[in-house]
Amino acid sequence: MELTIYHNPRCSKSRKTLELIGENGHEPTVVDYLATPPDADTILDLATRIGVPVAELMRTGEADYKNATDLPPTGDDAALAAWLSRHPIVLERPIVTDGSRAIVGRPPENVLTLLDT
């Protein structure tokens, strides 16, 4: 199984999720999404795989979110995905995908649902 993790190495939940993946015998592709932000299409695809609107992938406590003057309406997934690609710090983390499904690793043990199949 090929896994990809959208990872922030400074985030303890993201580090723990990556650790759990390794402990279960997988070596995922690691995307440091702050250095290499996913494009809008990728964010839309991840939201679809998780089964949530893009607004649910936003960290509303982040200063970039709170101070945003250009935030699109929360019901506009395409516009929000484009905005998130420009403000990746607001993207929920970590996100792990196996190519067909995806989860948010909060709590990190959520990743086990991808590894059990």
C-alpha atoms as a PDB file:
ATOM      1  CA  MET A   1       0.000   0.000   0.000  1.00  0.00           C
ATOM      2  CA  GLU A   2       1.319   3.412  -0.967  1.00  0.00           C
ATOM      3  CA  LEU A   3       0.667   6.128   1.592  1.00  0.00           C
ATOM      4  CA  THR A   4       1.209   9.858   1.421  1.00  0.00           C
ATOM      5  CA  ILE A   5       1.239  12.080   4.488  1.00  0.00           C
ATOM      6  CA  TYR A   6       0.827  15.843   4.298  1.00  0.00           C
ATOM      7  CA  HIS A   7       3.119  16.558   7.212  1.00  0.00           C
ATOM      8  CA  ASN A   8       4.261  19.435   9.366  1.00  0.00           C
ATOM      9  CA  PRO A   9       7.413  18.310  11.198  1.00  0.00           C
ATOM     10  CA  ARG A  10       6.834  20.926  13.932  1.00  0.00           C
ATOM     11  CA  CYS A  11       3.414  19.450  14.806  1.00  0.00           C
ATOM     12  CA  SER A  12       3.364  16.753  17.501  1.00  0.00           C
ATOM     13  CA  LYS A  13       0.198  15.128  16.076  1.00  0.00           C
ATOM     14  CA  SER A  14       1.784  14.977  12.644  1.00  0.00           C
ATOM     15  CA  ARG A  15       4.999  13.475  14.027  1.00  0.00           C
ATOM     16  CA  LYS A  16       3.033  10.878  16.022  1.00  0.00           C
ATOM     17  CA  THR A  17       0.960   9.944  12.958  1.00  0.00           C
ATOM     18  CA  LEU A  18       4.133   9.469  10.917  1.00  0.00           C
ATOM     19  CA  GLU A  19       5.569   7.347  13.737  1.00  0.00           C
ATOM     20  CA  LEU A  20       2.448   5.122  13.822  1.00  0.00           C
ATOM     21  CA  ILE A  21       2.662   4.586  10.074  1.00  0.00           C
ATOM     22  CA  GLY A  22       6.293   3.464  10.411  1.00  0.00           C
ATOM     23  CA  GLU A  23       5.539   1.228  13.404  1.00  0.00           C
ATOM     24  CA  ASN A  24       2.979  -0.557  11.230  1.00  0.00           C
ATOM     25  CA  GLY A  25       5.548  -1.347   8.540  1.00  0.00           C
ATOM     26  CA  HIS A  26       4.822   1.422   6.029  1.00  0.00           C
ATOM     27  CA  GLU A  27       7.150   4.013   4.567  1.00  0.00           C
ATOM     28  CA  PRO A  28       4.955   6.830   3.278  1.00  0.00           C
ATOM     29  CA  THR A  29       5.772   9.582   0.873  1.00  0.00           C
ATOM     30  CA  VAL A  30       6.172  12.614   3.121  1.00  0.00           C
ATOM     31  CA  VAL A  31       5.003  15.962   1.778  1.00  0.00           C
ATOM     32  CA  ASP A  32       6.076  18.941   3.886  1.00  0.00           C
ATOM     33  CA  TYR A  33       2.990  20.867   2.877  1.00  0.00           C
ATOM     34  CA  LEU A  34       4.289  24.174   4.229  1.00  0.00           C
ATOM     35  CA  ALA A  35       7.328  23.989   1.934  1.00  0.00           C
ATOM     36  CA  THR A  36       5.391  22.422  -0.958  1.00  0.00           C
ATOM     37  CA  PRO A  37       1.728  23.403  -0.598  1.00  0.00           C
ATOM     38  CA  PRO A  38      -0.820  21.205  -2.342  1.00  0.00           C
ATOM     39  CA  ASP A  39      -2.617  22.890  -5.214  1.00  0.00           C
ATOM     40  CA  ALA A  40      -6.350  23.581  -5.134  1.00  0.00           C
ATOM     41  CA  ASP A  41      -7.210  20.421  -7.088  1.00  0.00           C
ATOM     42  CA  THR A  42      -5.283  18.278  -4.601  1.00  0.00           C
ATOM     43  CA  ILE A  43      -7.051  19.916  -1.656  1.00  0.00           C
ATOM     44  CA  LEU A  44     -10.442  19.343  -3.305  1.00  0.00           C
ATOM     45  CA  ASP A  45      -9.502  15.715  -3.948  1.00  0.00           C
ATOM     46  CA  LEU A  46      -8.388  15.190  -0.340  1.00  0.00           C
ATOM     47  CA  ALA A  47     -11.617  16.701   0.990  1.00  0.00           C
ATOM     48  CA  THR A  48     -13.613  14.381  -1.273  1.00  0.00           C
ATOM     49  CA  ARG A  49     -11.633  11.336  -0.111  1.00  0.00           C
ATOM     50  CA  ILE A  50     -12.147  12.312   3.530  1.00  0.00           C
ATOM     51  CA  GLY A  51     -15.815  13.009   2.854  1.00  0.00           C
ATOM     52  CA  VAL A  52     -15.965  16.561   4.189  1.00  0.00           C
ATOM     53  CA  PRO A  53     -16.377  20.032   2.738  1.00  0.00           C
ATOM     54  CA  VAL A  54     -13.131  21.970   2.337  1.00  0.00           C
ATOM     55  CA  ALA A  55     -14.170  24.274   5.202  1.00  0.00           C
ATOM     56  CA  GLU A  56     -13.719  21.337   7.598  1.00  0.00           C
ATOM     57  CA  LEU A  57     -10.045  21.107   6.616  1.00  0.00           C
ATOM     58  CA  MET A  58      -9.351  24.610   7.904  1.00  0.00           C
ATOM     59  CA  ARG A  59      -7.617  25.361  11.192  1.00  0.00           C
ATOM     60  CA  THR A  60      -9.762  28.293  12.237  1.00  0.00           C
ATOM     61  CA  GLY A  61      -7.557  29.057  15.238  1.00  0.00           C
ATOM     62  CA  GLU A  62      -4.587  29.970  13.043  1.00  0.00           C
ATOM     63  CA  ALA A  63      -3.676  33.659  12.837  1.00  0.00           C
ATOM     64  CA  ASP A  64      -3.688  33.483   9.017  1.00  0.00           C
ATOM     65  CA  TYR A  65      -7.343  32.430   9.180  1.00  0.00           C
ATOM     66  CA  LYS A  66      -8.372  34.907  11.878  1.00  0.00           C
ATOM     67  CA  ASN A  67      -6.644  37.820  10.131  1.00  0.00           C
ATOM     68  CA  ALA A  68      -7.655  36.923   6.573  1.00  0.00           C
ATOM     69  CA  THR A  69      -9.213  39.713   4.560  1.00  0.00           C
ATOM     70  CA  ASP A  70      -9.560  37.616   1.411  1.00  0.00           C
ATOM     71  CA  LEU A  71     -11.291  34.515   2.814  1.00  0.00           C
ATOM     72  CA  PRO A  72     -13.954  33.211   0.410  1.00  0.00           C
ATOM     73  CA  PRO A  73     -17.400  32.052   1.571  1.00  0.00           C
ATOM     74  CA  THR A  74     -17.189  28.797   3.524  1.00  0.00           C
ATOM     75  CA  GLY A  75     -19.624  27.075   1.163  1.00  0.00           C
ATOM     76  CA  ASP A  76     -17.439  27.622  -1.917  1.00  0.00           C
ATOM     77  CA  ASP A  77     -15.166  24.552  -1.911  1.00  0.00           C
ATOM     78  CA  ALA A  78     -13.252  25.539  -5.051  1.00  0.00           C
ATOM     79  CA  ALA A  79     -12.497  29.043  -3.798  1.00  0.00           C
ATOM     80  CA  LEU A  80     -11.574  27.770  -0.328  1.00  0.00           C
ATOM     81  CA  ALA A  81      -9.241  25.165  -1.819  1.00  0.00           C
ATOM     82  CA  ALA A  82      -7.510  27.853  -3.875  1.00  0.00           C
ATOM     83  CA  TRP A  83      -7.232  30.043  -0.772  1.00  0.00           C
ATOM     84  CA  LEU A  84      -5.803  27.145   1.283  1.00  0.00           C
ATOM     85  CA  SER A  85      -3.178  26.469  -1.373  1.00  0.00           C
ATOM     86  CA  ARG A  86      -1.989  30.047  -0.817  1.00  0.00           C
ATOM     87  CA  HIS A  87      -2.271  29.798   2.999  1.00  0.00           C
ATOM     88  CA  PRO A  88      -1.151  26.211   3.756  1.00  0.00           C
ATOM     89  CA  ILE A  89      -0.594  26.884   7.478  1.00  0.00           C
ATOM     90  CA  VAL A  90      -4.401  26.898   7.791  1.00  0.00           C
ATOM     91  CA  LEU A  91      -4.733  23.384   6.309  1.00  0.00           C
ATOM     92  CA  GLU A  92      -5.591  20.733   8.896  1.00  0.00           C
ATOM     93  CA  ARG A  93      -2.747  18.363   9.642  1.00  0.00           C
ATOM     94  CA  PRO A  94      -1.702  15.737   9.139  1.00  0.00           C
ATOM     95  CA  ILE A  95      -3.654  14.328   6.230  1.00  0.00           C
ATOM     96  CA  VAL A  96      -2.846  10.775   5.139  1.00  0.00           C
ATOM     97  CA  THR A  97      -4.076   9.140   1.951  1.00  0.00           C
ATOM     98  CA  ASP A  98      -3.743   5.665   0.479  1.00  0.00           C
ATOM     99  CA  GLY A  99      -4.748   6.853  -2.986  1.00  0.00           C
ATOM    100  CA  SER A 100      -8.449   6.144  -2.641  1.00  0.00           C
ATOM    101  CA  ARG A 101      -9.243   7.206   0.923  1.00  0.00           C
ATOM    102  CA  ALA A 102      -7.860   9.870   3.216  1.00  0.00           C
ATOM    103  CA  ILE A 103      -8.039  10.760   6.891  1.00  0.00           C
ATOM    104  CA  VAL A 104      -6.993  13.563   9.191  1.00  0.00           C
ATOM    105  CA  GLY A 105      -4.581  12.277  11.825  1.00  0.00           C
ATOM    106  CA  ARG A 106      -6.315  13.913  14.780  1.00  0.00           C
ATOM    107  CA  PRO A 107      -6.016  11.914  16.850  1.00  0.00           C
ATOM    108  CA  PRO A 108      -3.002  10.191  15.299  1.00  0.00           C
ATOM    109  CA  GLU A 109      -4.639   6.792  15.819  1.00  0.00           C
ATOM    110  CA  ASN A 110      -7.090   7.688  13.034  1.00  0.00           C
ATOM    111  CA  VAL A 111      -4.377   6.575  10.605  1.00  0.00           C
ATOM    112  CA  LEU A 112      -4.881   2.991  11.750  1.00  0.00           C
ATOM    113  CA  THR A 113      -8.194   2.912   9.842  1.00  0.00           C
ATOM    114  CA  LEU A 114      -6.210   3.215   6.602  1.00  0.00           C
ATOM    115  CA  LEU A 115      -3.705   0.573   7.661  1.00  0.00           C
ATOM    116  CA  ASP A 116      -6.263  -2.048   8.745  1.00  0.00           C
ATOM    117  CA  THR A 117      -7.444  -2.845   5.228  1.00  0.00           C
END
